[in-house]
Amino acid sequence: MSEQRLIVGLGNPGKQYVYTRHNVGFLVVEEIARQLKVEFKKSSFTNAFIAETSYEGIDLKLMLPLTYMNHSGVAIASALKYWEMDVSDILVVCDDFQLPFSQLRIRSKGSDGGHNGLNSVIAKLGEENFSRLRMGIGQPPSKSGVVDFVLEEFTPKEKEHLHDLIQTTLDCCLVWLKDGVVKAMESFNKRKE
């Protein structure tokens, strides 16, 4: 049996959320599917869109939970149980307003860092030992404006660089897939000036 890996993009379903900061996880995983020429289908066993393919001999599954951000863990936990996968075989891709725009941070484990989607995943899996890739979306103008900030669309200036951010994040996902989280950390956890 070949190795299995799951890459999950966190976001919110619905046209009104597509290009919001909170949905960069969705955008990355959708782009992976597009480049690997595989289509998403509504899952029969969990509330998500799923795409399955093979990459470098690895049985790769891509997932977009349809549970909305704050309940992402529900769909992920069901999928892991169905596929009999270990939490160490997943990579969760999400936004992070505590990182400068376009900076990446990949880790093999850790806390939710105040991210409601990661909080849900940790709560439903019952542990923190899964890889997570945070994409910097810049900081909100004030602490009280966090919710509005993450649910707003990117600025025109940010949109100019969004494609590059998505591609770099995709590259990081593929390094994680082929060479593991340590190699991905060494290659992508560099501070942007």
N, C-alpha and C. Protein backbone atom coordinates (compact mmCIF):
# COMPACT_ATOMS: atom_id res chain seq x y z
N MET A 1 0.84 -1.19 0.00
CA MET A 1 0.00 0.00 0.00
C MET A 1 0.89 1.25 0.00
N SER A 2 0.56 2.21 -0.86
CA SER A 2 1.38 3.42 -0.94
C SER A 2 1.08 4.37 0.23
N GLU A 3 2.02 5.26 0.46
CA GLU A 3 1.84 6.27 1.51
C GLU A 3 0.64 7.15 1.18
N GLN A 4 -0.08 7.57 2.21
CA GLN A 4 -1.19 8.51 2.04
C GLN A 4 -0.84 9.84 2.68
N ARG A 5 -1.22 10.93 2.03
CA ARG A 5 -1.07 12.26 2.61
C ARG A 5 -2.33 13.06 2.30
N LEU A 6 -2.64 13.96 3.21
CA LEU A 6 -3.81 14.82 3.05
C LEU A 6 -3.39 16.28 3.22
N ILE A 7 -3.73 17.11 2.24
CA ILE A 7 -3.51 18.55 2.36
C ILE A 7 -4.88 19.21 2.43
N VAL A 8 -5.11 19.95 3.50
CA VAL A 8 -6.40 20.59 3.74
C VAL A 8 -6.24 22.10 3.67
N GLY A 9 -7.09 22.75 2.90
CA GLY A 9 -7.13 24.21 2.89
C GLY A 9 -8.27 24.66 3.78
N LEU A 10 -8.00 25.60 4.68
CA LEU A 10 -9.07 26.12 5.53
C LEU A 10 -9.66 27.37 4.89
N GLY A 11 -10.97 27.50 5.03
CA GLY A 11 -11.67 28.65 4.47
C GLY A 11 -13.16 28.53 4.72
N ASN A 12 -13.91 29.39 4.06
CA ASN A 12 -15.37 29.38 4.16
C ASN A 12 -15.96 29.14 2.78
N PRO A 13 -16.95 28.25 2.67
CA PRO A 13 -17.60 28.04 1.37
C PRO A 13 -18.49 29.23 1.03
N GLY A 14 -18.72 29.45 -0.25
CA GLY A 14 -19.62 30.52 -0.67
C GLY A 14 -18.88 31.58 -1.47
N LYS A 15 -19.54 32.06 -2.53
CA LYS A 15 -18.92 33.05 -3.44
C LYS A 15 -18.47 34.31 -2.72
N GLN A 16 -19.22 34.72 -1.68
CA GLN A 16 -18.90 35.99 -1.01
C GLN A 16 -17.57 35.91 -0.25
N TYR A 17 -17.03 34.69 -0.03
CA TYR A 17 -15.79 34.55 0.73
C TYR A 17 -14.57 34.27 -0.13
N VAL A 18 -14.77 34.01 -1.42
CA VAL A 18 -13.69 33.46 -2.26
C VAL A 18 -12.36 34.19 -2.12
N TYR A 19 -12.35 35.52 -2.29
CA TYR A 19 -11.07 36.24 -2.27
C TYR A 19 -10.85 37.01 -0.98
N THR A 20 -11.43 36.52 0.11
CA THR A 20 -11.17 37.14 1.41
C THR A 20 -9.88 36.58 1.99
N ARG A 21 -9.30 37.32 2.92
CA ARG A 21 -8.03 36.90 3.51
C ARG A 21 -8.14 35.54 4.21
N HIS A 22 -9.29 35.28 4.81
CA HIS A 22 -9.48 34.03 5.56
C HIS A 22 -9.50 32.81 4.63
N ASN A 23 -9.61 33.03 3.32
CA ASN A 23 -9.78 31.92 2.39
C ASN A 23 -8.52 31.54 1.62
N VAL A 24 -7.36 32.06 2.03
CA VAL A 24 -6.15 31.74 1.27
C VAL A 24 -5.84 30.24 1.29
N GLY A 25 -6.22 29.55 2.35
CA GLY A 25 -6.02 28.10 2.41
C GLY A 25 -6.77 27.39 1.29
N PHE A 26 -8.03 27.79 1.09
CA PHE A 26 -8.83 27.25 -0.02
C PHE A 26 -8.14 27.54 -1.36
N LEU A 27 -7.70 28.79 -1.54
CA LEU A 27 -7.11 29.19 -2.82
C LEU A 27 -5.89 28.35 -3.17
N VAL A 28 -5.06 28.06 -2.17
CA VAL A 28 -3.85 27.27 -2.40
C VAL A 28 -4.20 25.84 -2.79
N VAL A 29 -5.10 25.21 -2.04
CA VAL A 29 -5.43 23.81 -2.31
C VAL A 29 -6.19 23.68 -3.63
N GLU A 30 -6.99 24.68 -3.98
CA GLU A 30 -7.64 24.68 -5.30
C GLU A 30 -6.60 24.78 -6.41
N GLU A 31 -5.55 25.58 -6.18
CA GLU A 31 -4.49 25.72 -7.18
C GLU A 31 -3.66 24.44 -7.31
N ILE A 32 -3.43 23.75 -6.20
CA ILE A 32 -2.74 22.44 -6.28
C ILE A 32 -3.55 21.50 -7.17
N ALA A 33 -4.86 21.44 -6.94
CA ALA A 33 -5.73 20.57 -7.74
C ALA A 33 -5.68 20.96 -9.22
N ARG A 34 -5.69 22.27 -9.48
CA ARG A 34 -5.66 22.75 -10.87
C ARG A 34 -4.36 22.33 -11.55
N GLN A 35 -3.23 22.53 -10.86
CA GLN A 35 -1.94 22.20 -11.47
C GLN A 35 -1.73 20.69 -11.62
N LEU A 36 -2.33 19.91 -10.73
CA LEU A 36 -2.21 18.45 -10.83
C LEU A 36 -3.34 17.85 -11.68
N LYS A 37 -4.18 18.75 -12.23
CA LYS A 37 -5.28 18.35 -13.13
C LYS A 37 -6.22 17.32 -12.49
N VAL A 38 -6.70 17.66 -11.32
CA VAL A 38 -7.64 16.80 -10.62
C VAL A 38 -8.81 17.65 -10.15
N GLU A 39 -10.02 17.08 -10.16
CA GLU A 39 -11.22 17.84 -9.82
C GLU A 39 -11.76 17.45 -8.45
N PHE A 40 -12.33 18.45 -7.79
CA PHE A 40 -12.98 18.21 -6.51
C PHE A 40 -14.37 17.63 -6.71
N LYS A 41 -14.75 16.75 -5.80
CA LYS A 41 -16.11 16.21 -5.77
C LYS A 41 -16.62 16.29 -4.34
N LYS A 42 -17.92 16.46 -4.20
CA LYS A 42 -18.53 16.47 -2.86
C LYS A 42 -18.34 15.11 -2.24
N SER A 43 -17.83 15.06 -1.03
CA SER A 43 -17.56 13.80 -0.34
C SER A 43 -18.85 13.12 0.09
N SER A 44 -18.82 11.79 0.10
CA SER A 44 -19.97 11.02 0.59
C SER A 44 -19.81 10.67 2.08
N PHE A 45 -18.61 10.92 2.65
CA PHE A 45 -18.36 10.49 4.03
C PHE A 45 -18.01 11.62 4.99
N THR A 46 -17.84 12.82 4.48
CA THR A 46 -17.60 13.97 5.34
C THR A 46 -18.07 15.23 4.62
N ASN A 47 -18.27 16.31 5.35
CA ASN A 47 -18.79 17.54 4.76
C ASN A 47 -17.64 18.36 4.16
N ALA A 48 -17.23 17.97 2.95
CA ALA A 48 -16.09 18.61 2.31
C ALA A 48 -16.09 18.28 0.82
N PHE A 49 -15.31 19.09 0.08
CA PHE A 49 -14.95 18.72 -1.29
C PHE A 49 -13.62 17.99 -1.20
N ILE A 50 -13.51 16.89 -1.94
CA ILE A 50 -12.31 16.04 -1.92
C ILE A 50 -11.81 15.84 -3.36
N ALA A 51 -10.50 15.88 -3.52
CA ALA A 51 -9.87 15.51 -4.79
C ALA A 51 -8.78 14.49 -4.46
N GLU A 52 -8.67 13.45 -5.28
CA GLU A 52 -7.67 12.41 -5.03
C GLU A 52 -6.81 12.21 -6.27
N THR A 53 -5.51 12.08 -6.03
CA THR A 53 -4.57 11.87 -7.13
C THR A 53 -3.32 11.18 -6.59
N SER A 54 -2.35 11.02 -7.45
CA SER A 54 -1.07 10.45 -7.03
C SER A 54 0.01 11.47 -7.35
N TYR A 55 0.97 11.62 -6.44
CA TYR A 55 2.07 12.55 -6.67
C TYR A 55 3.35 11.93 -6.17
N GLU A 56 4.30 11.72 -7.08
CA GLU A 56 5.60 11.13 -6.73
C GLU A 56 5.42 9.82 -5.95
N GLY A 57 4.45 9.01 -6.37
CA GLY A 57 4.20 7.72 -5.72
C GLY A 57 3.42 7.80 -4.42
N ILE A 58 2.98 9.00 -4.06
CA ILE A 58 2.21 9.18 -2.82
C ILE A 58 0.74 9.32 -3.17
N ASP A 59 -0.11 8.65 -2.42
CA ASP A 59 -1.55 8.74 -2.58
C ASP A 59 -1.99 10.06 -1.93
N LEU A 60 -2.23 11.08 -2.75
CA LEU A 60 -2.51 12.42 -2.25
C LEU A 60 -4.00 12.73 -2.28
N LYS A 61 -4.48 13.22 -1.15
CA LYS A 61 -5.86 13.68 -1.05
C LYS A 61 -5.85 15.17 -0.74
N LEU A 62 -6.70 15.91 -1.41
CA LEU A 62 -6.86 17.34 -1.19
C LEU A 62 -8.26 17.57 -0.64
N MET A 63 -8.37 18.50 0.30
CA MET A 63 -9.66 18.67 0.97
C MET A 63 -9.98 20.13 1.23
N LEU A 64 -11.24 20.49 0.98
CA LEU A 64 -11.78 21.81 1.31
C LEU A 64 -13.01 21.58 2.20
N PRO A 65 -12.87 21.73 3.52
CA PRO A 65 -14.02 21.51 4.41
C PRO A 65 -15.13 22.51 4.10
N LEU A 66 -16.38 22.05 4.14
CA LEU A 66 -17.53 22.91 3.88
C LEU A 66 -18.26 23.26 5.18
N THR A 67 -17.56 23.09 6.28
CA THR A 67 -18.16 23.27 7.62
C THR A 67 -18.02 24.70 8.12
N TYR A 68 -17.48 25.59 7.32
CA TYR A 68 -17.08 26.94 7.70
C TYR A 68 -15.88 26.86 8.64
N MET A 69 -15.09 27.90 8.62
CA MET A 69 -13.79 27.94 9.29
C MET A 69 -13.81 27.40 10.72
N ASN A 70 -14.76 27.87 11.52
CA ASN A 70 -14.73 27.57 12.95
C ASN A 70 -15.08 26.13 13.29
N HIS A 71 -15.49 25.35 12.30
CA HIS A 71 -15.81 23.93 12.53
C HIS A 71 -15.03 23.02 11.59
N SER A 72 -13.90 23.50 11.09
CA SER A 72 -13.09 22.74 10.12
C SER A 72 -12.70 21.37 10.64
N GLY A 73 -12.45 21.27 11.93
CA GLY A 73 -12.00 20.00 12.51
C GLY A 73 -13.00 18.87 12.38
N VAL A 74 -14.28 19.21 12.30
CA VAL A 74 -15.33 18.17 12.19
C VAL A 74 -15.13 17.37 10.91
N ALA A 75 -14.97 18.07 9.79
CA ALA A 75 -14.79 17.40 8.49
C ALA A 75 -13.47 16.65 8.43
N ILE A 76 -12.41 17.25 8.97
CA ILE A 76 -11.08 16.63 8.92
C ILE A 76 -11.05 15.35 9.75
N ALA A 77 -11.61 15.39 10.95
CA ALA A 77 -11.61 14.21 11.82
C ALA A 77 -12.36 13.05 11.17
N SER A 78 -13.49 13.34 10.53
CA SER A 78 -14.26 12.29 9.84
C SER A 78 -13.46 11.67 8.70
N ALA A 79 -12.76 12.52 7.95
CA ALA A 79 -11.98 12.02 6.81
C ALA A 79 -10.82 11.14 7.27
N LEU A 80 -10.11 11.58 8.32
CA LEU A 80 -8.98 10.79 8.82
C LEU A 80 -9.45 9.42 9.29
N LYS A 81 -10.58 9.39 9.95
CA LYS A 81 -11.13 8.11 10.44
C LYS A 81 -11.49 7.22 9.24
N TYR A 82 -12.14 7.80 8.25
CA TYR A 82 -12.57 7.04 7.07
C TYR A 82 -11.37 6.45 6.33
N TRP A 83 -10.32 7.27 6.14
CA TRP A 83 -9.13 6.82 5.40
C TRP A 83 -8.13 6.08 6.29
N GLU A 84 -8.40 6.01 7.60
CA GLU A 84 -7.48 5.39 8.56
C GLU A 84 -6.09 6.02 8.46
N MET A 85 -6.07 7.34 8.45
CA MET A 85 -4.82 8.09 8.36
C MET A 85 -4.41 8.60 9.73
N ASP A 86 -3.10 8.77 9.91
CA ASP A 86 -2.56 9.32 11.14
C ASP A 86 -2.52 10.85 11.02
N VAL A 87 -2.62 11.55 12.15
CA VAL A 87 -2.58 13.02 12.10
C VAL A 87 -1.24 13.53 11.54
N SER A 88 -0.19 12.73 11.65
CA SER A 88 1.11 13.16 11.13
C SER A 88 1.14 13.17 9.60
N ASP A 89 0.09 12.62 8.97
CA ASP A 89 0.02 12.55 7.50
C ASP A 89 -0.75 13.72 6.89
N ILE A 90 -1.10 14.73 7.72
CA ILE A 90 -1.86 15.84 7.17
C ILE A 90 -1.09 17.16 7.26
N LEU A 91 -1.41 18.03 6.31
CA LEU A 91 -0.91 19.41 6.30
C LEU A 91 -2.13 20.31 6.19
N VAL A 92 -2.27 21.22 7.15
CA VAL A 92 -3.38 22.17 7.15
C VAL A 92 -2.84 23.53 6.72
N VAL A 93 -3.44 24.11 5.68
CA VAL A 93 -3.00 25.40 5.14
C VAL A 93 -4.02 26.47 5.52
N CYS A 94 -3.54 27.55 6.15
CA CYS A 94 -4.46 28.60 6.61
C CYS A 94 -3.80 29.97 6.61
N ASP A 95 -4.61 30.99 6.83
CA ASP A 95 -4.14 32.37 6.94
C ASP A 95 -3.59 32.63 8.34
N ASP A 96 -2.79 33.69 8.47
CA ASP A 96 -2.30 34.12 9.78
C ASP A 96 -2.08 35.62 9.76
N PHE A 97 -2.90 36.36 10.54
CA PHE A 97 -2.79 37.82 10.56
C PHE A 97 -1.66 38.31 11.46
N GLN A 98 -0.96 37.37 12.12
CA GLN A 98 0.17 37.76 12.95
C GLN A 98 1.49 37.73 12.17
N LEU A 99 1.42 37.27 10.92
CA LEU A 99 2.59 37.26 10.05
C LEU A 99 2.45 38.35 9.00
N PRO A 100 3.56 38.99 8.61
CA PRO A 100 3.50 39.98 7.53
C PRO A 100 2.95 39.35 6.25
N PHE A 101 2.31 40.16 5.43
CA PHE A 101 1.75 39.67 4.17
C PHE A 101 2.81 38.92 3.37
N SER A 102 2.48 37.72 2.93
CA SER A 102 3.28 36.83 2.07
C SER A 102 4.38 36.04 2.79
N GLN A 103 4.53 36.24 4.11
CA GLN A 103 5.51 35.41 4.83
C GLN A 103 4.87 34.07 5.18
N LEU A 104 5.63 32.99 5.05
CA LEU A 104 5.13 31.65 5.35
C LEU A 104 5.76 31.13 6.63
N ARG A 105 5.01 30.30 7.33
CA ARG A 105 5.53 29.63 8.52
C ARG A 105 4.95 28.23 8.56
N ILE A 106 5.79 27.21 8.37
CA ILE A 106 5.33 25.82 8.45
C ILE A 106 5.91 25.20 9.71
N ARG A 107 5.10 24.42 10.41
CA ARG A 107 5.48 23.76 11.65
C ARG A 107 4.93 22.34 11.67
N SER A 108 5.58 21.47 12.44
CA SER A 108 5.12 20.08 12.54
C SER A 108 4.08 19.90 13.64
N LYS A 109 3.95 20.90 14.52
CA LYS A 109 2.97 20.84 15.61
C LYS A 109 2.89 22.21 16.26
N GLY A 110 2.00 22.37 17.22
CA GLY A 110 1.92 23.64 17.93
C GLY A 110 0.50 24.00 18.32
N SER A 111 0.37 25.15 18.93
CA SER A 111 -0.95 25.62 19.38
C SER A 111 -1.73 26.20 18.20
N ASP A 112 -2.94 26.66 18.48
CA ASP A 112 -3.75 27.25 17.41
C ASP A 112 -3.34 28.69 17.10
N GLY A 113 -2.55 29.31 17.99
CA GLY A 113 -2.09 30.69 17.76
C GLY A 113 -3.23 31.68 17.61
N GLY A 114 -4.38 31.36 18.20
CA GLY A 114 -5.52 32.26 18.11
C GLY A 114 -6.34 32.10 16.84
N HIS A 115 -6.04 31.06 16.04
CA HIS A 115 -6.77 30.83 14.79
C HIS A 115 -7.93 29.86 15.05
N ASN A 116 -9.16 30.32 14.80
CA ASN A 116 -10.34 29.50 15.12
C ASN A 116 -10.41 28.20 14.33
N GLY A 117 -9.94 28.22 13.09
CA GLY A 117 -9.93 27.00 12.29
C GLY A 117 -8.98 25.96 12.88
N LEU A 118 -7.76 26.39 13.21
CA LEU A 118 -6.80 25.47 13.83
C LEU A 118 -7.29 25.00 15.20
N ASN A 119 -7.96 25.91 15.92
CA ASN A 119 -8.51 25.54 17.22
C ASN A 119 -9.51 24.39 17.07
N SER A 120 -10.35 24.45 16.06
CA SER A 120 -11.33 23.40 15.79
C SER A 120 -10.64 22.08 15.41
N VAL A 121 -9.59 22.17 14.58
CA VAL A 121 -8.87 20.96 14.17
C VAL A 121 -8.23 20.29 15.38
N ILE A 122 -7.55 21.08 16.22
CA ILE A 122 -6.91 20.53 17.43
C ILE A 122 -7.94 19.90 18.35
N ALA A 123 -9.07 20.59 18.54
CA ALA A 123 -10.12 20.08 19.43
C ALA A 123 -10.69 18.76 18.92
N LYS A 124 -10.95 18.66 17.63
CA LYS A 124 -11.57 17.45 17.08
C LYS A 124 -10.59 16.29 16.92
N LEU A 125 -9.31 16.60 16.66
CA LEU A 125 -8.31 15.53 16.54
C LEU A 125 -7.78 15.13 17.91
N GLY A 126 -7.93 16.01 18.89
CA GLY A 126 -7.47 15.72 20.24
C GLY A 126 -5.96 15.81 20.41
N GLU A 127 -5.29 16.44 19.45
CA GLU A 127 -3.84 16.64 19.56
C GLU A 127 -3.36 17.73 18.61
N GLU A 128 -2.12 18.16 18.83
CA GLU A 128 -1.53 19.26 18.06
C GLU A 128 -0.45 18.79 17.10
N ASN A 129 -0.21 17.47 17.01
CA ASN A 129 0.92 16.94 16.24
C ASN A 129 0.59 16.74 14.76
N PHE A 130 0.16 17.80 14.11
CA PHE A 130 -0.05 17.76 12.67
C PHE A 130 0.61 19.00 12.07
N SER A 131 1.09 18.85 10.84
CA SER A 131 1.75 19.97 10.17
C SER A 131 0.74 21.05 9.82
N ARG A 132 1.17 22.29 10.00
CA ARG A 132 0.32 23.41 9.61
C ARG A 132 1.18 24.44 8.90
N LEU A 133 0.63 25.00 7.85
CA LEU A 133 1.32 26.00 7.04
C LEU A 133 0.51 27.28 7.10
N ARG A 134 1.08 28.28 7.76
CA ARG A 134 0.39 29.57 7.91
C ARG A 134 0.89 30.54 6.85
N MET A 135 -0.06 31.25 6.25
CA MET A 135 0.26 32.24 5.23
C MET A 135 0.01 33.62 5.80
N GLY A 136 1.02 34.47 5.80
CA GLY A 136 0.87 35.82 6.34
C GLY A 136 -0.08 36.66 5.50
N ILE A 137 -1.07 37.24 6.17
CA ILE A 137 -2.02 38.11 5.46
C ILE A 137 -1.91 39.56 5.96
N GLY A 138 -0.91 39.84 6.80
CA GLY A 138 -0.74 41.18 7.34
C GLY A 138 -1.62 41.40 8.56
N GLN A 139 -1.36 42.48 9.27
CA GLN A 139 -2.07 42.74 10.52
C GLN A 139 -3.26 43.67 10.33
N PRO A 140 -4.35 43.39 11.09
CA PRO A 140 -5.50 44.30 11.05
C PRO A 140 -5.14 45.64 11.66
N PRO A 141 -5.84 46.72 11.27
CA PRO A 141 -5.52 48.04 11.80
C PRO A 141 -5.70 48.15 13.30
N SER A 142 -6.60 47.35 13.87
CA SER A 142 -6.79 47.37 15.33
C SER A 142 -7.20 45.99 15.81
N LYS A 143 -6.96 45.71 17.09
CA LYS A 143 -7.32 44.41 17.68
C LYS A 143 -8.82 44.14 17.54
N SER A 144 -9.63 45.18 17.67
CA SER A 144 -11.08 45.00 17.62
C SER A 144 -11.58 44.70 16.21
N GLY A 145 -10.73 44.98 15.20
CA GLY A 145 -11.17 44.79 13.82
C GLY A 145 -10.73 43.50 13.17
N VAL A 146 -10.32 42.50 13.97
CA VAL A 146 -9.77 41.25 13.42
C VAL A 146 -10.77 40.52 12.53
N VAL A 147 -12.00 40.34 13.02
CA VAL A 147 -13.01 39.58 12.26
C VAL A 147 -13.28 40.25 10.92
N ASP A 148 -13.51 41.55 10.95
CA ASP A 148 -13.76 42.27 9.69
C ASP A 148 -12.56 42.17 8.76
N PHE A 149 -11.37 42.28 9.32
CA PHE A 149 -10.14 42.25 8.51
C PHE A 149 -10.00 40.92 7.77
N VAL A 150 -10.16 39.80 8.48
CA VAL A 150 -9.94 38.50 7.82
C VAL A 150 -11.05 38.18 6.81
N LEU A 151 -12.23 38.78 7.00
CA LEU A 151 -13.34 38.52 6.08
C LEU A 151 -13.42 39.55 4.94
N GLU A 152 -12.47 40.48 4.91
CA GLU A 152 -12.41 41.45 3.80
C GLU A 152 -11.57 40.87 2.66
N GLU A 153 -11.81 41.39 1.46
CA GLU A 153 -10.98 41.01 0.32
C GLU A 153 -9.61 41.67 0.46
N PHE A 154 -8.62 41.10 -0.22
CA PHE A 154 -7.29 41.70 -0.25
C PHE A 154 -7.35 43.06 -0.92
N THR A 155 -6.43 43.94 -0.54
CA THR A 155 -6.35 45.25 -1.18
C THR A 155 -5.86 45.06 -2.62
N PRO A 156 -6.10 46.05 -3.50
CA PRO A 156 -5.58 45.94 -4.88
C PRO A 156 -4.07 45.68 -4.92
N LYS A 157 -3.31 46.34 -4.03
CA LYS A 157 -1.84 46.15 -4.00
C LYS A 157 -1.51 44.71 -3.60
N GLU A 158 -2.22 44.17 -2.59
CA GLU A 158 -1.99 42.78 -2.16
C GLU A 158 -2.37 41.81 -3.27
N LYS A 159 -3.45 42.11 -3.98
CA LYS A 159 -3.90 41.22 -5.06
C LYS A 159 -2.85 41.08 -6.15
N GLU A 160 -2.05 42.14 -6.35
CA GLU A 160 -0.97 42.07 -7.34
C GLU A 160 0.04 40.98 -6.99
N HIS A 161 0.19 40.69 -5.69
CA HIS A 161 1.18 39.71 -5.23
C HIS A 161 0.56 38.39 -4.79
N LEU A 162 -0.77 38.31 -4.88
CA LEU A 162 -1.47 37.13 -4.37
C LEU A 162 -1.11 35.86 -5.14
N HIS A 163 -0.99 35.97 -6.47
CA HIS A 163 -0.65 34.79 -7.26
C HIS A 163 0.72 34.23 -6.84
N ASP A 164 1.68 35.12 -6.63
CA ASP A 164 3.02 34.68 -6.21
C ASP A 164 2.97 34.01 -4.84
N LEU A 165 2.17 34.58 -3.93
CA LEU A 165 2.03 33.99 -2.59
C LEU A 165 1.42 32.59 -2.68
N ILE A 166 0.39 32.44 -3.50
CA ILE A 166 -0.26 31.14 -3.67
C ILE A 166 0.72 30.13 -4.26
N GLN A 167 1.49 30.55 -5.27
CA GLN A 167 2.46 29.64 -5.91
C GLN A 167 3.57 29.23 -4.94
N THR A 168 4.08 30.18 -4.16
CA THR A 168 5.14 29.85 -3.20
C THR A 168 4.61 28.90 -2.13
N THR A 169 3.37 29.12 -1.69
CA THR A 169 2.76 28.24 -0.69
C THR A 169 2.55 26.85 -1.27
N LEU A 170 2.12 26.79 -2.52
CA LEU A 170 1.96 25.51 -3.21
C LEU A 170 3.30 24.78 -3.27
N ASP A 171 4.37 25.51 -3.61
CA ASP A 171 5.70 24.90 -3.67
C ASP A 171 6.08 24.31 -2.30
N CYS A 172 5.76 25.04 -1.25
CA CYS A 172 6.04 24.57 0.11
C CYS A 172 5.27 23.28 0.40
N CYS A 173 4.01 23.23 -0.02
CA CYS A 173 3.19 22.03 0.17
C CYS A 173 3.82 20.82 -0.50
N LEU A 174 4.34 21.03 -1.71
CA LEU A 174 4.93 19.92 -2.46
C LEU A 174 6.26 19.46 -1.85
N VAL A 175 7.03 20.39 -1.29
CA VAL A 175 8.25 20.01 -0.57
C VAL A 175 7.88 19.20 0.67
N TRP A 176 6.87 19.65 1.41
CA TRP A 176 6.37 18.88 2.57
C TRP A 176 5.99 17.47 2.15
N LEU A 177 5.31 17.37 1.03
CA LEU A 177 4.83 16.08 0.53
C LEU A 177 5.97 15.14 0.17
N LYS A 178 6.96 15.67 -0.56
CA LYS A 178 8.06 14.84 -1.06
C LYS A 178 9.15 14.61 -0.03
N ASP A 179 9.52 15.68 0.69
CA ASP A 179 10.73 15.64 1.52
C ASP A 179 10.48 15.81 3.01
N GLY A 180 9.23 16.07 3.40
CA GLY A 180 8.91 16.17 4.83
C GLY A 180 8.93 17.60 5.36
N VAL A 181 8.44 17.71 6.59
CA VAL A 181 8.23 19.04 7.19
C VAL A 181 9.54 19.76 7.51
N VAL A 182 10.59 19.02 7.91
CA VAL A 182 11.86 19.67 8.27
C VAL A 182 12.45 20.37 7.05
N LYS A 183 12.47 19.69 5.92
CA LYS A 183 12.98 20.29 4.68
C LYS A 183 12.14 21.51 4.29
N ALA A 184 10.82 21.39 4.43
CA ALA A 184 9.94 22.53 4.11
C ALA A 184 10.22 23.71 5.03
N MET A 185 10.46 23.43 6.31
CA MET A 185 10.78 24.49 7.26
C MET A 185 12.09 25.19 6.88
N GLU A 186 13.10 24.40 6.55
CA GLU A 186 14.40 24.95 6.17
C GLU A 186 14.30 25.84 4.92
N SER A 187 13.44 25.43 4.01
CA SER A 187 13.35 26.14 2.73
C SER A 187 12.43 27.36 2.75
N PHE A 188 11.38 27.33 3.59
CA PHE A 188 10.34 28.36 3.47
C PHE A 188 10.14 29.24 4.71
N ASN A 189 10.70 28.87 5.85
CA ASN A 189 10.50 29.70 7.06
C ASN A 189 11.51 30.84 7.17
N LYS A 190 11.72 31.51 6.07
CA LYS A 190 12.67 32.64 6.08
C LYS A 190 11.88 33.94 6.23
N ARG A 191 12.43 34.86 6.98
CA ARG A 191 11.77 36.15 7.16
C ARG A 191 11.86 36.96 5.86
N LYS A 192 10.75 37.56 5.51
CA LYS A 192 10.75 38.46 4.34
C LYS A 192 11.10 39.86 4.82
N GLU A 193 11.92 40.52 4.06
CA GLU A 193 12.29 41.90 4.43
C GLU A 193 11.19 42.86 4.01
